Amino acid sequence: SDLVGKHNSCRVYLRAVSPNRGIKGHHIVEDILTYFGITDCSAKTHGNRNPYNVVRATFKALMTHETLEDIALKRGKRLLHLQRARKLDLA
C-alpha cells in the first residue's frame, strides 16, 4: 500500500516492500522511518526537497495510514481476528 504526504510543493511517497529489503530513499525520510521502527520501506520524494518540507510531508504520509480496525469501522463491518477465527474453527 502506498502512503502519500504533501507539504507545499514536496510530495513523499512511501511504499511497503518485501521483508529484508531495508529502507531506501531520501536520507531524511530514512532516518524518520528508522526512528519509527519501520524496517522495510521504499521512499520517493518529488518537488521541493527542502528538509523542512520533506519532514512535514513524511509525517503527513505516515498519518494517512489506516489500521484494519479503522477500515472495518468505515465500511460498517466487524473485524474478526485470525486467532479468534481459529478458536471458533472458522479458518
N, C-alpha and C. Protein backbone atom coordinates (compact mmCIF):
# COMPACT_ATOMS: atom_id res chain seq x y z
N SER A 1 0.84 -1.18 0.00
CA SER A 1 0.00 0.00 0.00
C SER A 1 0.89 1.24 0.00
N ASP A 2 0.48 2.22 -0.74
CA ASP A 2 1.25 3.46 -0.84
C ASP A 2 0.66 4.52 0.08
N LEU A 3 1.55 5.22 0.73
CA LEU A 3 1.16 6.37 1.54
C LEU A 3 1.75 7.60 0.88
N VAL A 4 0.95 8.65 0.77
CA VAL A 4 1.40 9.88 0.12
C VAL A 4 1.19 11.04 1.07
N GLY A 5 2.22 11.84 1.21
CA GLY A 5 2.12 13.06 2.01
C GLY A 5 2.58 14.24 1.18
N LYS A 6 1.93 15.38 1.35
CA LYS A 6 2.27 16.57 0.57
C LYS A 6 2.37 17.76 1.51
N HIS A 7 3.46 18.50 1.37
CA HIS A 7 3.61 19.76 2.10
C HIS A 7 4.24 20.76 1.13
N ASN A 8 3.55 21.89 0.93
CA ASN A 8 3.93 22.87 -0.09
C ASN A 8 4.07 22.15 -1.43
N SER A 9 5.23 22.20 -2.07
CA SER A 9 5.37 21.53 -3.36
C SER A 9 6.11 20.21 -3.24
N CYS A 10 6.35 19.75 -2.04
CA CYS A 10 7.07 18.49 -1.82
C CYS A 10 6.07 17.35 -1.62
N ARG A 11 6.29 16.27 -2.34
CA ARG A 11 5.47 15.07 -2.17
C ARG A 11 6.38 13.92 -1.75
N VAL A 12 5.93 13.15 -0.76
CA VAL A 12 6.67 11.97 -0.31
C VAL A 12 5.78 10.76 -0.51
N TYR A 13 6.31 9.77 -1.21
CA TYR A 13 5.60 8.51 -1.45
C TYR A 13 6.29 7.41 -0.66
N LEU A 14 5.54 6.72 0.18
CA LEU A 14 6.07 5.60 0.96
C LEU A 14 5.40 4.33 0.47
N ARG A 15 6.20 3.34 0.13
CA ARG A 15 5.66 2.09 -0.40
C ARG A 15 6.24 0.92 0.40
N ALA A 16 5.37 0.02 0.81
CA ALA A 16 5.81 -1.17 1.52
C ALA A 16 6.52 -2.11 0.54
N VAL A 17 7.60 -2.72 0.99
CA VAL A 17 8.34 -3.66 0.15
C VAL A 17 8.43 -5.00 0.87
N SER A 18 8.94 -6.00 0.18
CA SER A 18 9.05 -7.33 0.79
C SER A 18 10.04 -7.30 1.95
N PRO A 19 9.90 -8.23 2.88
CA PRO A 19 10.76 -8.26 4.08
C PRO A 19 12.25 -8.37 3.71
N ASN A 20 13.08 -7.83 4.56
CA ASN A 20 14.54 -7.85 4.45
C ASN A 20 15.08 -7.05 3.26
N ARG A 21 14.31 -6.13 2.72
CA ARG A 21 14.81 -5.27 1.65
C ARG A 21 15.42 -4.00 2.22
N GLY A 22 15.03 -3.62 3.45
CA GLY A 22 15.58 -2.43 4.07
C GLY A 22 14.82 -1.17 3.66
N ILE A 23 15.37 -0.03 4.08
CA ILE A 23 14.77 1.26 3.78
C ILE A 23 15.60 1.93 2.70
N LYS A 24 14.93 2.36 1.64
CA LYS A 24 15.61 3.05 0.54
C LYS A 24 14.90 4.37 0.29
N GLY A 25 15.67 5.40 -0.02
CA GLY A 25 15.04 6.68 -0.34
C GLY A 25 15.84 7.85 0.19
N HIS A 26 15.18 8.96 0.32
CA HIS A 26 15.77 10.20 0.81
C HIS A 26 16.33 9.98 2.21
N HIS A 27 17.53 10.52 2.47
CA HIS A 27 18.20 10.24 3.75
C HIS A 27 17.40 10.74 4.95
N ILE A 28 16.69 11.85 4.83
CA ILE A 28 15.88 12.34 5.95
C ILE A 28 14.70 11.40 6.20
N VAL A 29 14.06 10.95 5.13
CA VAL A 29 12.94 10.02 5.26
C VAL A 29 13.42 8.70 5.87
N GLU A 30 14.59 8.23 5.46
CA GLU A 30 15.16 7.01 6.03
C GLU A 30 15.34 7.13 7.53
N ASP A 31 15.87 8.28 7.98
CA ASP A 31 16.08 8.49 9.42
C ASP A 31 14.75 8.49 10.18
N ILE A 32 13.75 9.16 9.64
CA ILE A 32 12.44 9.23 10.31
C ILE A 32 11.83 7.84 10.42
N LEU A 33 11.87 7.08 9.33
CA LEU A 33 11.29 5.73 9.34
C LEU A 33 12.04 4.81 10.29
N THR A 34 13.35 4.98 10.38
CA THR A 34 14.14 4.18 11.31
C THR A 34 13.75 4.49 12.75
N TYR A 35 13.56 5.76 13.09
CA TYR A 35 13.14 6.14 14.43
C TYR A 35 11.75 5.59 14.77
N PHE A 36 10.89 5.47 13.76
CA PHE A 36 9.56 4.92 13.96
C PHE A 36 9.57 3.40 14.07
N GLY A 37 10.69 2.77 13.75
CA GLY A 37 10.80 1.32 13.85
C GLY A 37 10.39 0.60 12.58
N ILE A 38 10.25 1.32 11.48
CA ILE A 38 9.91 0.72 10.20
C ILE A 38 11.19 0.19 9.57
N THR A 39 11.18 -1.07 9.16
CA THR A 39 12.41 -1.69 8.68
C THR A 39 12.45 -1.90 7.17
N ASP A 40 11.30 -2.04 6.53
CA ASP A 40 11.26 -2.32 5.09
C ASP A 40 10.32 -1.33 4.41
N CYS A 41 10.89 -0.39 3.65
CA CYS A 41 10.07 0.62 3.01
C CYS A 41 10.88 1.27 1.89
N SER A 42 10.19 1.66 0.84
CA SER A 42 10.80 2.43 -0.23
C SER A 42 10.17 3.81 -0.21
N ALA A 43 11.01 4.85 -0.26
CA ALA A 43 10.52 6.22 -0.18
C ALA A 43 10.97 7.00 -1.40
N LYS A 44 10.08 7.82 -1.92
CA LYS A 44 10.38 8.64 -3.08
C LYS A 44 9.94 10.06 -2.77
N THR A 45 10.79 11.03 -3.06
CA THR A 45 10.43 12.43 -2.85
C THR A 45 10.41 13.14 -4.20
N HIS A 46 9.40 13.98 -4.39
CA HIS A 46 9.27 14.77 -5.62
C HIS A 46 9.07 16.23 -5.25
N GLY A 47 9.46 17.10 -6.14
CA GLY A 47 9.24 18.52 -5.91
C GLY A 47 10.35 19.14 -5.09
N ASN A 48 10.01 20.14 -4.33
CA ASN A 48 10.96 20.87 -3.50
C ASN A 48 11.47 19.96 -2.39
N ARG A 49 12.77 19.75 -2.32
CA ARG A 49 13.34 18.85 -1.32
C ARG A 49 13.97 19.61 -0.15
N ASN A 50 13.39 20.74 0.19
CA ASN A 50 13.80 21.48 1.37
C ASN A 50 13.59 20.56 2.58
N PRO A 51 14.58 20.43 3.48
CA PRO A 51 14.44 19.48 4.60
C PRO A 51 13.17 19.66 5.42
N TYR A 52 12.77 20.91 5.65
CA TYR A 52 11.54 21.16 6.40
C TYR A 52 10.33 20.56 5.68
N ASN A 53 10.24 20.78 4.37
CA ASN A 53 9.11 20.25 3.59
C ASN A 53 9.12 18.73 3.56
N VAL A 54 10.31 18.14 3.46
CA VAL A 54 10.42 16.67 3.42
C VAL A 54 9.94 16.07 4.74
N VAL A 55 10.34 16.68 5.85
CA VAL A 55 9.93 16.16 7.16
C VAL A 55 8.41 16.27 7.33
N ARG A 56 7.86 17.44 7.01
CA ARG A 56 6.40 17.61 7.16
C ARG A 56 5.63 16.67 6.25
N ALA A 57 6.08 16.51 5.01
CA ALA A 57 5.39 15.62 4.07
C ALA A 57 5.49 14.17 4.52
N THR A 58 6.62 13.78 5.10
CA THR A 58 6.78 12.41 5.61
C THR A 58 5.81 12.14 6.75
N PHE A 59 5.70 13.07 7.68
CA PHE A 59 4.77 12.89 8.79
C PHE A 59 3.31 12.87 8.31
N LYS A 60 2.99 13.69 7.33
CA LYS A 60 1.63 13.67 6.78
C LYS A 60 1.34 12.33 6.10
N ALA A 61 2.35 11.77 5.43
CA ALA A 61 2.17 10.46 4.79
C ALA A 61 1.96 9.38 5.85
N LEU A 62 2.72 9.42 6.93
CA LEU A 62 2.57 8.42 7.99
C LEU A 62 1.22 8.55 8.69
N MET A 63 0.67 9.76 8.75
CA MET A 63 -0.61 9.96 9.41
C MET A 63 -1.79 9.47 8.56
N THR A 64 -1.57 9.25 7.26
CA THR A 64 -2.66 8.75 6.42
C THR A 64 -2.83 7.25 6.53
N HIS A 65 -1.91 6.57 7.22
CA HIS A 65 -2.01 5.12 7.38
C HIS A 65 -3.23 4.75 8.21
N GLU A 66 -3.99 3.77 7.75
CA GLU A 66 -5.18 3.32 8.47
C GLU A 66 -4.99 1.88 8.92
N THR A 67 -5.42 1.59 10.12
CA THR A 67 -5.35 0.23 10.62
C THR A 67 -6.53 -0.57 10.06
N LEU A 68 -6.46 -1.88 10.22
CA LEU A 68 -7.56 -2.74 9.76
C LEU A 68 -8.85 -2.40 10.50
N GLU A 69 -8.73 -2.05 11.78
CA GLU A 69 -9.91 -1.71 12.56
C GLU A 69 -10.59 -0.44 12.01
N ASP A 70 -9.76 0.55 11.61
CA ASP A 70 -10.32 1.79 11.05
C ASP A 70 -11.05 1.52 9.74
N ILE A 71 -10.48 0.69 8.91
CA ILE A 71 -11.10 0.38 7.62
C ILE A 71 -12.41 -0.37 7.83
N ALA A 72 -12.40 -1.34 8.74
CA ALA A 72 -13.62 -2.10 9.02
C ALA A 72 -14.71 -1.18 9.58
N LEU A 73 -14.34 -0.25 10.44
CA LEU A 73 -15.31 0.68 11.03
C LEU A 73 -15.92 1.57 9.95
N LYS A 74 -15.11 2.06 9.02
CA LYS A 74 -15.61 2.90 7.93
C LYS A 74 -16.59 2.13 7.05
N ARG A 75 -16.29 0.85 6.81
CA ARG A 75 -17.13 0.05 5.93
C ARG A 75 -18.34 -0.55 6.64
N GLY A 76 -18.40 -0.38 7.96
CA GLY A 76 -19.52 -0.91 8.72
C GLY A 76 -19.44 -2.41 8.90
N LYS A 77 -18.24 -2.95 8.90
CA LYS A 77 -18.02 -4.39 9.05
C LYS A 77 -17.37 -4.67 10.38
N ARG A 78 -17.48 -5.93 10.80
CA ARG A 78 -16.78 -6.36 12.02
C ARG A 78 -15.48 -7.01 11.61
N LEU A 79 -14.44 -6.76 12.39
CA LEU A 79 -13.15 -7.35 12.12
C LEU A 79 -12.99 -8.58 13.00
N LEU A 80 -12.80 -9.72 12.39
CA LEU A 80 -12.61 -10.96 13.12
C LEU A 80 -11.13 -11.31 13.06
N HIS A 81 -10.47 -11.30 14.20
CA HIS A 81 -9.05 -11.60 14.24
C HIS A 81 -8.83 -13.08 13.94
N LEU A 82 -7.67 -13.37 13.36
CA LEU A 82 -7.38 -14.75 12.95
C LEU A 82 -7.33 -15.71 14.13
N GLN A 83 -6.79 -15.26 15.26
CA GLN A 83 -6.72 -16.13 16.43
C GLN A 83 -8.12 -16.51 16.90
N ARG A 84 -9.01 -15.54 16.89
CA ARG A 84 -10.38 -15.82 17.32
C ARG A 84 -11.09 -16.72 16.31
N ALA A 85 -10.82 -16.51 15.03
CA ALA A 85 -11.41 -17.33 13.99
C ALA A 85 -10.95 -18.78 14.11
N ARG A 86 -9.68 -18.96 14.43
CA ARG A 86 -9.17 -20.33 14.60
C ARG A 86 -9.82 -20.99 15.82
N LYS A 87 -10.00 -20.19 16.86
CA LYS A 87 -10.62 -20.73 18.07
C LYS A 87 -12.06 -21.17 17.78
N LEU A 88 -12.76 -20.39 16.94
CA LEU A 88 -14.14 -20.71 16.60
C LEU A 88 -14.22 -21.72 15.45
N ASP A 89 -13.06 -22.15 14.95
CA ASP A 89 -12.97 -23.13 13.88
C ASP A 89 -13.53 -22.59 12.56
N LEU A 90 -13.32 -21.28 12.30
CA LEU A 90 -13.78 -20.70 11.05
C LEU A 90 -12.67 -20.62 10.00
N ALA A 91 -11.41 -20.65 10.45
CA ALA A 91 -10.31 -20.52 9.50
C ALA A 91 -9.48 -21.78 9.45
